[in-house]
Protein backbone atom coordinates (compact mmCIF):
# COMPACT_ATOMS: atom_id res chain seq x y z
CA UNK A 1 4.06 -3.68 4.94
CA UNK A 2 0.79 -4.62 3.43
CA UNK A 3 0.56 -1.26 2.56
CA UNK A 4 0.19 0.72 -0.25
CA UNK A 5 2.26 1.30 0.03
CA UNK A 6 1.05 2.11 -1.35
CA UNK A 7 0.58 4.64 -2.17
CA UNK A 8 0.77 8.05 -3.40
CA UNK A 9 3.83 15.90 -11.74
CA UNK A 10 1.29 17.81 -10.62
CA UNK A 11 -1.78 16.51 -12.50
CA UNK A 12 -3.70 13.52 -13.82
CA UNK A 13 -3.97 12.94 -17.52
CA UNK A 14 -7.24 13.06 -19.29
CA UNK A 15 -10.71 14.19 -18.39
CA UNK A 16 -13.97 15.02 -19.99
CA UNK A 17 -15.16 11.42 -19.71
CA UNK A 18 -18.14 10.71 -17.46
CA UNK A 19 -17.02 9.55 -14.02
CA UNK A 20 -13.44 10.71 -14.52
CA UNK A 21 -11.83 13.15 -12.13
CA UNK A 22 -11.12 16.70 -13.28
CA UNK A 23 -7.55 17.50 -14.30
CA UNK A 24 -5.49 18.56 -11.30
CA UNK A 25 -7.17 16.21 -8.78
CA UNK A 26 -4.97 13.48 -7.36
CA UNK A 27 -7.71 10.92 -6.98
CA UNK A 28 -8.44 7.42 -8.24
CA UNK A 29 -8.26 3.66 -7.85
CA UNK A 30 -5.45 1.23 -8.67
CA UNK A 31 -6.07 -2.52 -8.90
CA UNK A 32 -3.15 -4.81 -8.01
CA UNK A 33 -2.39 -8.50 -8.42
CA UNK A 34 -0.79 -9.69 -5.17
CA UNK A 35 0.92 -12.76 -3.79
CA UNK A 36 3.00 -13.82 -0.82
CA UNK A 37 6.74 -13.79 -1.38
CA UNK A 38 7.62 -16.75 0.88
CA UNK A 39 5.56 -19.87 0.18
CA UNK A 40 6.76 -21.38 3.48
CA UNK A 41 5.40 -18.51 5.58
CA UNK A 42 2.69 -19.66 8.06
CA UNK A 43 0.28 -17.04 6.72
CA UNK A 44 0.93 -17.73 3.04
CA UNK A 45 -2.46 -19.40 2.69
CA UNK A 46 -4.17 -16.20 3.86
CA UNK A 47 -2.33 -14.01 1.35
CA UNK A 48 -4.86 -12.25 -0.92
CA UNK A 49 -4.56 -12.55 -4.70
CA UNK A 50 -5.57 -8.95 -5.31
CA UNK A 51 -5.65 -5.54 -3.67
CA UNK A 52 -7.46 -2.28 -4.35
CA UNK A 53 -5.78 1.04 -3.62
CA UNK A 54 -8.03 4.09 -3.34
CA UNK A 55 -6.39 7.48 -2.98
CA UNK A 56 -7.44 11.10 -2.73
CA UNK A 57 -5.05 13.93 -2.06
CA UNK A 58 -3.12 13.12 1.10
CA UNK A 59 -5.16 10.02 2.03
CA UNK A 60 -5.11 6.42 0.85
CA UNK A 61 -6.72 3.08 1.63
CA UNK A 62 -5.63 -0.31 0.35
CA UNK A 63 -8.14 -3.11 0.74
CA UNK A 64 -7.48 -6.86 0.52
CA UNK A 65 -9.64 -9.95 0.95
CA UNK A 66 -9.01 -13.70 0.99
CA UNK A 67 -11.99 -15.71 -0.25
CA UNK A 68 -14.26 -13.03 1.20
CA UNK A 69 -13.56 -14.32 4.71
CA UNK A 70 -10.35 -12.61 5.80
CA UNK A 71 -10.58 -8.88 5.08
CA UNK A 72 -7.91 -6.37 5.93
CA UNK A 73 -7.10 -2.81 4.95
CA UNK A 74 -4.46 -0.17 5.49
CA UNK A 75 -5.70 3.42 5.80
CA UNK A 76 -3.14 6.22 5.74
CA UNK A 77 -3.27 9.96 6.24
CA UNK A 78 -0.12 11.71 5.04
CA UNK A 79 -1.10 15.03 6.58
CA UNK A 80 -1.86 13.58 10.03
CA UNK A 81 1.04 11.12 9.61
CA UNK A 82 -1.01 8.18 10.84
CA UNK A 83 -1.64 4.69 9.50
CA UNK A 84 -4.38 2.29 10.55
CA UNK A 85 -4.82 -1.42 9.89
CA UNK A 86 -8.26 -3.00 10.01
CA UNK A 87 -9.18 -6.69 10.20
CA UNK A 88 -12.50 -8.48 9.74
CA UNK A 89 -12.27 -12.24 10.26
CA UNK A 90 -15.10 -14.37 11.66
CA UNK A 91 -16.08 -12.65 14.94
CA UNK A 92 -12.95 -10.45 14.95
CA UNK A 93 -13.60 -6.86 13.86
CA UNK A 94 -10.85 -4.53 14.98
CA UNK A 95 -8.44 -1.79 13.97
CA UNK A 96 -5.22 -0.33 15.30
CA UNK A 97 -3.94 3.16 14.60
CA UNK A 98 -0.23 3.96 14.53
CA UNK A 99 1.32 7.39 14.89
CA UNK A 100 4.32 8.69 12.99
CA UNK A 101 6.89 7.23 15.41
CA UNK A 102 5.24 3.78 15.43
CA UNK A 103 5.14 3.77 11.65
CA UNK A 104 8.83 4.73 11.55
CA UNK A 105 9.65 1.87 13.94
CA UNK A 106 7.79 -0.57 11.67
CA UNK A 107 9.72 0.69 8.66
CA UNK A 108 13.01 -0.11 10.39
CA UNK A 109 12.06 -3.79 10.22
CA UNK A 110 11.93 -3.46 6.43
CA UNK A 111 14.68 -0.94 5.86
CA UNK A 112 15.73 -0.71 2.23
CA UNK A 113 18.31 1.01 0.06
CA UNK A 114 17.08 2.51 -3.23
CA UNK A 115 19.14 2.92 -6.40
CA UNK A 116 17.56 4.76 -9.32
CA UNK A 117 18.08 3.45 -12.87
CA UNK A 118 17.37 4.81 -16.34
CA UNK A 119 15.21 1.82 -17.29
CA UNK A 120 11.50 2.36 -18.01
CA UNK A 121 8.53 0.26 -19.09
CA UNK A 122 4.74 0.43 -19.18
CA UNK A 123 2.71 -1.02 -16.31
CA UNK A 124 -1.08 -0.70 -16.36
CA UNK A 125 -0.71 1.79 -19.21
CA UNK A 126 1.63 4.10 -17.31
CA UNK A 127 5.29 4.84 -17.94
CA UNK A 128 7.20 3.46 -14.96
CA UNK A 129 10.75 3.92 -13.73
CA UNK A 130 12.85 1.10 -12.30
CA UNK A 131 14.71 1.22 -8.99
CA UNK A 132 16.98 -1.45 -7.58
CA UNK A 133 16.12 -2.35 -4.00
CA UNK A 134 18.51 -3.86 -1.43
CA UNK A 135 17.53 -4.98 2.05
CA UNK A 136 19.74 -3.11 4.54
CA UNK A 137 19.79 -5.92 7.10
CA UNK A 138 20.65 -8.53 4.47
CA UNK A 139 22.30 -7.00 1.36
CA UNK A 140 22.20 -10.40 -0.36
CA UNK A 141 18.45 -9.85 -0.84
CA UNK A 142 17.76 -7.61 -3.81
CA UNK A 143 14.80 -7.03 -6.12
CA UNK A 144 13.45 -4.47 -8.57
CA UNK A 145 10.59 -2.05 -7.97
CA UNK A 146 8.81 0.25 -10.40
CA UNK A 147 7.01 3.56 -9.93
CA UNK A 148 5.25 6.13 -12.08
CA UNK A 149 5.39 9.91 -12.09
CA UNK A 150 2.23 10.21 -14.20
CA UNK A 151 -0.22 10.11 -11.29
CA UNK A 152 1.22 12.96 -9.26
CA UNK A 153 1.59 12.52 -5.50
CA UNK A 154 5.35 12.89 -5.43
CA UNK A 155 5.54 12.45 -1.65
CA UNK A 156 3.04 9.59 -1.34
CA UNK A 157 5.63 7.22 0.16
CA UNK A 158 6.39 9.37 3.19
CA UNK A 159 4.94 6.75 5.55
CA UNK A 160 6.54 3.65 4.05
CA UNK A 161 10.07 2.30 3.50
CA UNK A 162 10.11 3.65 -0.08
CA UNK A 163 10.17 7.28 1.11
CA UNK A 164 12.99 8.10 -1.34
CA UNK A 165 10.78 7.17 -4.30
CA UNK A 166 9.01 10.25 -5.69
CA UNK A 167 6.00 8.70 -7.34
CA UNK A 168 3.34 6.01 -7.11
CA UNK A 169 4.65 2.46 -6.67
CA UNK A 170 3.30 0.10 -9.35
CA UNK A 171 5.43 -3.03 -8.84
CA UNK A 172 6.97 -3.53 -5.41
CA UNK A 173 7.24 -5.57 -2.23
CA UNK A 174 5.97 -4.60 1.21
CA UNK A 175 5.68 -6.15 4.65
CA UNK A 176 3.20 -5.87 7.51
CA UNK A 177 2.77 -8.03 10.61
CA UNK A 178 5.60 -10.30 9.48
CA UNK A 179 4.21 -11.13 6.01
CA UNK A 180 5.98 -9.95 2.85
CA UNK A 181 3.82 -9.39 -0.22
CA UNK A 182 4.43 -8.59 -3.89
CA UNK A 183 2.14 -6.02 -5.53
CA UNK A 184 1.80 -5.52 -9.32
CA UNK A 185 -0.57 -2.88 -10.71
CA UNK A 186 -2.93 -4.08 -13.44
CA UNK A 187 -5.41 -1.21 -13.82
CA UNK A 188 -5.65 2.50 -13.04
CA UNK A 189 -8.96 4.37 -12.97
CA UNK A 190 -9.04 8.14 -12.47
CA UNK A 191 -12.44 8.22 -10.77
CA UNK A 192 -13.89 10.04 -7.80
CA UNK A 193 -13.41 8.38 -4.41
CA UNK A 194 -15.90 9.08 -1.56
CA UNK A 195 -14.40 10.78 1.51
CA UNK A 196 -15.74 8.08 3.86
CA UNK A 197 -13.46 5.56 2.15
CA UNK A 198 -10.71 6.77 4.48
CA UNK A 199 -12.69 6.51 7.70
CA UNK A 200 -12.44 3.59 10.12
CA UNK A 201 -15.89 1.98 10.37
CA UNK A 202 -17.60 2.62 13.71
CA UNK A 203 -18.32 -1.12 13.95
CA UNK A 204 -14.63 -1.87 14.48
CA UNK A 205 -13.06 -2.02 17.93
CA UNK A 206 -9.93 0.11 18.27
CA UNK A 207 -7.12 -1.98 19.76
CA UNK A 208 -3.43 -1.49 20.50
CA UNK A 209 -0.69 -2.44 18.08
CA UNK A 210 0.31 -5.22 20.50
CA UNK A 211 -3.21 -6.68 20.45
CA UNK A 212 -3.27 -6.63 16.66
CA UNK A 213 0.11 -8.36 16.57
CA UNK A 214 -1.15 -11.01 18.98
CA UNK A 215 -4.06 -11.68 16.63
CA UNK A 216 -1.76 -12.22 13.63
CA UNK A 217 0.58 -14.36 15.72
CA UNK A 218 -2.37 -16.57 16.70
CA UNK A 219 -2.96 -17.37 13.03
CA UNK A 220 0.51 -18.85 12.57
């Protein structure tokens, strides 16, 4: 999933600096370097080189853009158990909203097995813990992922395949609409995030999941 996957210990470190969030608020922005995993994928050329994850409590939004022309975002609400994908490309401006069951069905297409390790390292200034990841449908495919406990949000992965991971993913892979991406955190800012960040713009047309899939298929 092109998700934050994004996305989401009990407190943030620091405070007192102008623009920083007060201690105890799970709120901020994470900047990621991103790239497509499969160079032969038809959509590889549209893969963004960066992503911005904005989170606040039980909500998150990850935004990506390719050359300022192809813009997409994933907006999740852990309390409502919904996830929306938005797309802005030329004259296409649309969004689809998935409920808990639809999200679970998507996750089955990227089902993974997680194995915790004792290895740690710093990513974007945060202590991160390594997990070994194995694809359930093809156990020959394995890779490492890293997460941090320093940003709170222990259950932030409830809507993605990494639901066993109790912390914020900082180095991981995700898949959405058939495209697998690699995300690596490069910067964390504990700043306030406006509430309207997690709203679907009124200018977007709400479409079905099938219509959104047809759009991505037409790009291949």
